[in-house]
Amino acid sequence: MTQHDREAHDRQAVGQRFDPSKMQHARAQSWAALHGIRERMRPGISEDEAKAEAANVFRDLGMERLWHPPYIRIGPNTTKTYRQPSQPDIRLGENDIYFIDLGLVFDGHEGDVGDTFVVGHAPERQACAQAARDLFQEVAAKWGSEGLTGHNLYNYAQERAEAMGWRFNHAIKGHRISDFPHSVHKGGDLGDFEESPSSGLWVLEIQIAHPTEPFGAFYEDLLTNPAH
């Protein structure tokens, strides 16, 4: 095995406890948590209040722990990455957009999901939220059919986002998850991975924004073959 092959193998390594079925369970439970939070979002709620509601959802679902804090971004904060602090004192408007990004652990395995939603009547914001989902599906299908490298997947995502009329956030590049903690495997960013990512290990993250208005959308899920 060459040095290049060893490095690629190491970046897709898993722990001794890893179980693909448990990864899918963590994924399903994480989506259930996300939609549980969505049901509690209402005009006037703040990001901090939404996170307090989220803690109740997590407890009810039997979450073991967080592997990253929940990110709930409202209005202009939907253009920010997880590394950027939210603008304070933002509350969900009557016709507004928000996204939820969760990193949860169930049965020793990591889930990582995200989606964007709109309340009230906000057609441009609704179009942005749907565009993030559509772009995710298009890029995931490209991976499934052609086995592109992580690097090329993100080049493709950028090209498609711009063709669709949205700004693509280059700072969001996807990453590894696994049995907890995935950090010991040092998978790095999907967008920097020069091999085709294996099924059930890599999270594809898509973040876009309106070219001139202060709102954006986020979607992420596990890249997994239909057989999984």
Protein backbone atom coordinates (compact mmCIF):
# COMPACT_ATOMS: atom_id res chain seq x y z
CA MET A 1 0.00 0.00 0.00
CA THR A 2 1.39 3.38 -0.98
CA GLN A 3 1.63 6.33 1.41
CA HIS A 4 -1.28 7.96 -0.45
CA ASP A 5 -3.42 4.84 -0.06
CA ARG A 6 -2.55 4.57 3.63
CA GLU A 7 -3.56 8.17 4.24
CA ALA A 8 -6.87 7.68 2.41
CA HIS A 9 -7.51 4.50 4.41
CA ASP A 10 -6.71 6.26 7.68
CA ARG A 11 -9.14 9.06 6.85
CA GLN A 12 -11.94 6.51 6.45
CA ALA A 13 -10.98 4.34 9.42
CA VAL A 14 -13.55 3.49 12.09
CA GLY A 15 -13.36 2.36 15.70
CA GLN A 16 -13.80 -1.17 17.01
CA ARG A 17 -17.37 -0.40 18.10
CA PHE A 18 -18.45 0.84 14.67
CA ASP A 19 -21.69 -0.66 13.37
CA PRO A 20 -23.28 0.61 10.12
CA SER A 21 -26.78 -0.15 11.41
CA LYS A 22 -26.12 1.98 14.49
CA MET A 23 -24.95 4.81 12.26
CA GLN A 24 -28.28 4.65 10.46
CA HIS A 25 -30.12 4.58 13.79
CA ALA A 26 -28.24 7.70 14.92
CA ARG A 27 -29.11 9.33 11.63
CA ALA A 28 -32.82 8.53 11.97
CA GLN A 29 -32.94 9.70 15.58
CA SER A 30 -31.14 12.91 14.66
CA TRP A 31 -33.72 13.65 11.97
CA ALA A 32 -36.47 12.95 14.49
CA ALA A 33 -34.85 15.45 16.84
CA LEU A 34 -34.59 18.07 14.11
CA HIS A 35 -38.26 17.79 13.25
CA GLY A 36 -39.15 17.84 16.94
CA ILE A 37 -37.42 21.20 17.20
CA ARG A 38 -39.11 22.41 14.02
CA GLU A 39 -42.51 21.74 15.62
CA ARG A 40 -41.55 24.08 18.46
CA MET A 41 -40.36 26.98 16.29
CA ARG A 42 -42.77 29.91 16.24
CA PRO A 43 -42.62 33.63 15.44
CA GLY A 44 -41.01 35.57 18.26
CA ILE A 45 -38.74 32.77 19.47
CA SER A 46 -35.03 33.54 19.90
CA GLU A 47 -32.14 31.23 19.08
CA ASP A 48 -31.39 30.69 22.77
CA GLU A 49 -35.02 29.89 23.52
CA ALA A 50 -35.06 27.43 20.62
CA LYS A 51 -31.95 25.70 21.99
CA ALA A 52 -33.66 25.35 25.37
CA GLU A 53 -36.60 23.70 23.61
CA ALA A 54 -34.14 21.48 21.75
CA ALA A 55 -32.69 20.14 25.00
CA ASN A 56 -36.13 18.80 25.91
CA VAL A 57 -36.44 17.11 22.51
CA PHE A 58 -33.02 15.47 22.92
CA ARG A 59 -33.89 14.15 26.35
CA ASP A 60 -37.18 12.67 25.17
CA LEU A 61 -35.38 10.82 22.34
CA GLY A 62 -32.75 9.35 24.66
CA MET A 63 -29.76 11.17 23.21
CA GLU A 64 -26.51 10.14 24.92
CA ARG A 65 -24.61 13.36 24.37
CA LEU A 66 -23.84 16.13 21.93
CA TRP A 67 -20.76 15.85 19.79
CA HIS A 68 -21.21 19.43 18.64
CA PRO A 69 -23.54 22.06 20.09
CA PRO A 70 -26.85 22.59 18.31
CA TYR A 71 -26.88 25.50 15.90
CA ILE A 72 -30.21 27.21 15.34
CA ARG A 73 -29.82 30.24 13.10
CA ILE A 74 -32.60 32.72 12.41
CA GLY A 75 -32.97 35.38 9.71
CA PRO A 76 -29.67 37.12 8.90
CA ASN A 77 -27.79 34.57 10.99
CA THR A 78 -28.57 31.92 8.37
CA THR A 79 -25.65 33.28 6.33
CA LYS A 80 -23.17 32.46 9.13
CA THR A 81 -21.09 29.30 9.46
CA TYR A 82 -20.81 27.30 12.67
CA ARG A 83 -17.54 29.10 13.44
CA GLN A 84 -19.19 32.53 13.39
CA PRO A 85 -21.18 33.82 16.37
CA SER A 86 -24.78 34.78 15.80
CA GLN A 87 -25.86 38.38 15.71
CA PRO A 88 -27.57 38.74 19.11
CA ASP A 89 -31.21 39.58 19.81
CA ILE A 90 -32.54 38.05 16.60
CA ARG A 91 -36.04 36.60 16.86
CA LEU A 92 -38.01 34.65 14.31
CA GLY A 93 -40.26 36.97 12.31
CA GLU A 94 -43.74 36.33 10.98
CA ASN A 95 -42.35 35.68 7.48
CA ASP A 96 -38.86 34.40 8.09
CA ILE A 97 -36.26 31.69 7.61
CA TYR A 98 -34.20 29.58 10.02
CA PHE A 99 -32.04 26.48 9.98
CA ILE A 100 -31.24 23.72 12.47
CA ASP A 101 -27.88 21.90 12.55
CA LEU A 102 -27.52 18.99 14.99
CA GLY A 103 -24.61 16.76 16.02
CA LEU A 104 -25.98 14.08 18.36
CA VAL A 105 -24.77 10.72 19.68
CA PHE A 106 -27.08 7.73 19.98
CA ASP A 107 -25.83 4.29 21.04
CA GLY A 108 -22.21 5.38 20.68
CA HIS A 109 -22.61 6.57 17.09
CA GLU A 110 -22.77 10.07 15.66
CA GLY A 111 -25.59 11.67 13.75
CA ASP A 112 -25.24 14.96 11.91
CA VAL A 113 -28.21 16.51 10.12
CA GLY A 114 -29.36 19.96 9.09
CA ASP A 115 -32.25 21.57 7.23
CA THR A 116 -33.81 24.99 6.62
CA PHE A 117 -37.43 26.04 7.07
CA VAL A 118 -39.63 29.06 6.49
CA VAL A 119 -42.54 30.42 8.51
CA GLY A 120 -45.30 32.57 7.07
CA HIS A 121 -45.19 33.85 3.49
CA ALA A 122 -41.64 34.42 2.26
CA PRO A 123 -41.31 33.07 -1.30
CA GLU A 124 -37.65 33.99 -1.87
CA ARG A 125 -36.66 32.45 1.45
CA GLN A 126 -38.68 29.35 0.67
CA ALA A 127 -36.94 29.09 -2.69
CA CYS A 128 -33.56 29.33 -0.96
CA ALA A 129 -34.43 26.60 1.54
CA GLN A 130 -35.60 24.32 -1.26
CA ALA A 131 -32.54 25.11 -3.37
CA ALA A 132 -30.25 23.88 -0.57
CA ARG A 133 -32.15 20.58 -0.45
CA ASP A 134 -32.17 20.24 -4.23
CA LEU A 135 -28.46 20.98 -4.47
CA PHE A 136 -27.70 18.39 -1.81
CA GLN A 137 -29.68 15.76 -3.70
CA GLU A 138 -27.99 16.63 -6.98
CA VAL A 139 -24.49 16.45 -5.50
CA ALA A 140 -25.27 13.25 -3.59
CA ALA A 141 -26.60 11.68 -6.80
CA LYS A 142 -23.38 12.68 -8.58
CA TRP A 143 -21.39 10.89 -5.88
CA GLY A 144 -23.62 7.83 -6.12
CA SER A 145 -23.43 7.57 -9.91
CA GLU A 146 -19.87 8.67 -10.65
CA GLY A 147 -17.96 8.17 -7.38
CA LEU A 148 -16.40 11.64 -7.50
CA THR A 149 -13.72 12.56 -5.00
CA GLY A 150 -14.73 14.79 -2.10
CA HIS A 151 -12.78 17.66 -3.66
CA ASN A 152 -14.57 17.30 -6.99
CA LEU A 153 -17.95 16.98 -5.30
CA TYR A 154 -17.53 20.42 -3.78
CA ASN A 155 -16.30 21.90 -7.04
CA TYR A 156 -19.45 20.51 -8.64
CA ALA A 157 -21.61 21.87 -5.81
CA GLN A 158 -20.16 25.35 -6.28
CA GLU A 159 -20.75 25.28 -10.05
CA ARG A 160 -24.34 24.12 -9.63
CA ALA A 161 -25.13 26.63 -6.86
CA GLU A 162 -23.91 29.51 -8.98
CA ALA A 163 -25.83 28.22 -12.01
CA MET A 164 -28.95 28.14 -9.81
CA GLY A 165 -28.36 31.78 -8.87
CA TRP A 166 -27.12 31.39 -5.27
CA ARG A 167 -23.88 32.24 -3.49
CA PHE A 168 -22.04 29.10 -2.38
CA ASN A 169 -20.35 29.11 1.02
CA HIS A 170 -16.83 27.78 0.45
CA ALA A 171 -16.07 27.54 4.18
CA ILE A 172 -18.47 24.59 4.60
CA LYS A 173 -16.82 21.45 3.24
CA GLY A 174 -18.40 18.43 4.93
CA HIS A 175 -16.62 15.98 7.21
CA ARG A 176 -16.36 12.48 8.69
CA ILE A 177 -18.58 10.95 11.34
CA SER A 178 -18.33 7.51 12.90
CA ASP A 179 -18.57 5.79 16.24
CA PHE A 180 -17.91 8.45 18.89
CA PRO A 181 -15.53 10.24 18.91
CA HIS A 182 -14.86 10.50 15.17
CA SER A 183 -12.08 12.99 15.87
CA VAL A 184 -9.67 10.16 16.69
CA HIS A 185 -9.84 9.06 13.06
CA LYS A 186 -8.82 12.49 11.74
CA GLY A 187 -10.96 12.30 8.64
CA GLY A 188 -10.62 15.98 7.80
CA ASP A 189 -12.90 17.89 5.44
CA LEU A 190 -14.79 16.08 2.70
CA GLY A 191 -14.05 18.97 0.35
CA ASP A 192 -10.32 18.30 0.72
CA PHE A 193 -10.57 14.51 0.33
CA GLU A 194 -8.92 13.33 -2.88
CA GLU A 195 -10.64 9.94 -2.91
CA SER A 196 -14.23 8.87 -3.41
CA PRO A 197 -15.91 8.93 0.02
CA SER A 198 -17.22 5.62 1.36
CA SER A 199 -20.92 5.19 2.05
CA GLY A 200 -22.16 5.87 5.58
CA LEU A 201 -19.12 7.76 6.85
CA TRP A 202 -19.13 11.24 5.33
CA VAL A 203 -21.51 14.14 5.83
CA LEU A 204 -22.20 16.34 2.81
CA GLU A 205 -22.89 19.91 3.91
CA ILE A 206 -24.45 22.51 1.62
CA GLN A 207 -24.73 26.18 2.57
CA ILE A 208 -25.93 28.83 0.15
CA ALA A 209 -27.09 32.42 0.40
CA HIS A 210 -29.06 34.94 -1.60
CA PRO A 211 -26.65 36.92 -3.80
CA THR A 212 -27.69 40.29 -2.33
CA GLU A 213 -30.16 39.77 0.54
CA PRO A 214 -29.12 38.79 4.12
CA PHE A 215 -30.45 35.24 4.27
CA GLY A 216 -29.26 31.80 3.37
CA ALA A 217 -29.99 28.10 3.74
CA PHE A 218 -28.23 24.99 5.00
CA TYR A 219 -28.75 21.28 4.44
CA GLU A 220 -26.66 18.30 5.48
CA ASP A 221 -27.00 14.56 5.74
CA LEU A 222 -24.97 11.38 5.57
CA LEU A 223 -23.84 10.26 2.14
CA THR A 224 -25.18 6.74 1.93
CA ASN A 225 -25.92 4.36 -0.93
CA PRO A 226 -29.59 3.45 -1.43
CA ALA A 227 -28.83 -0.08 -0.24
CA HIS A 228 -28.11 1.36 3.18
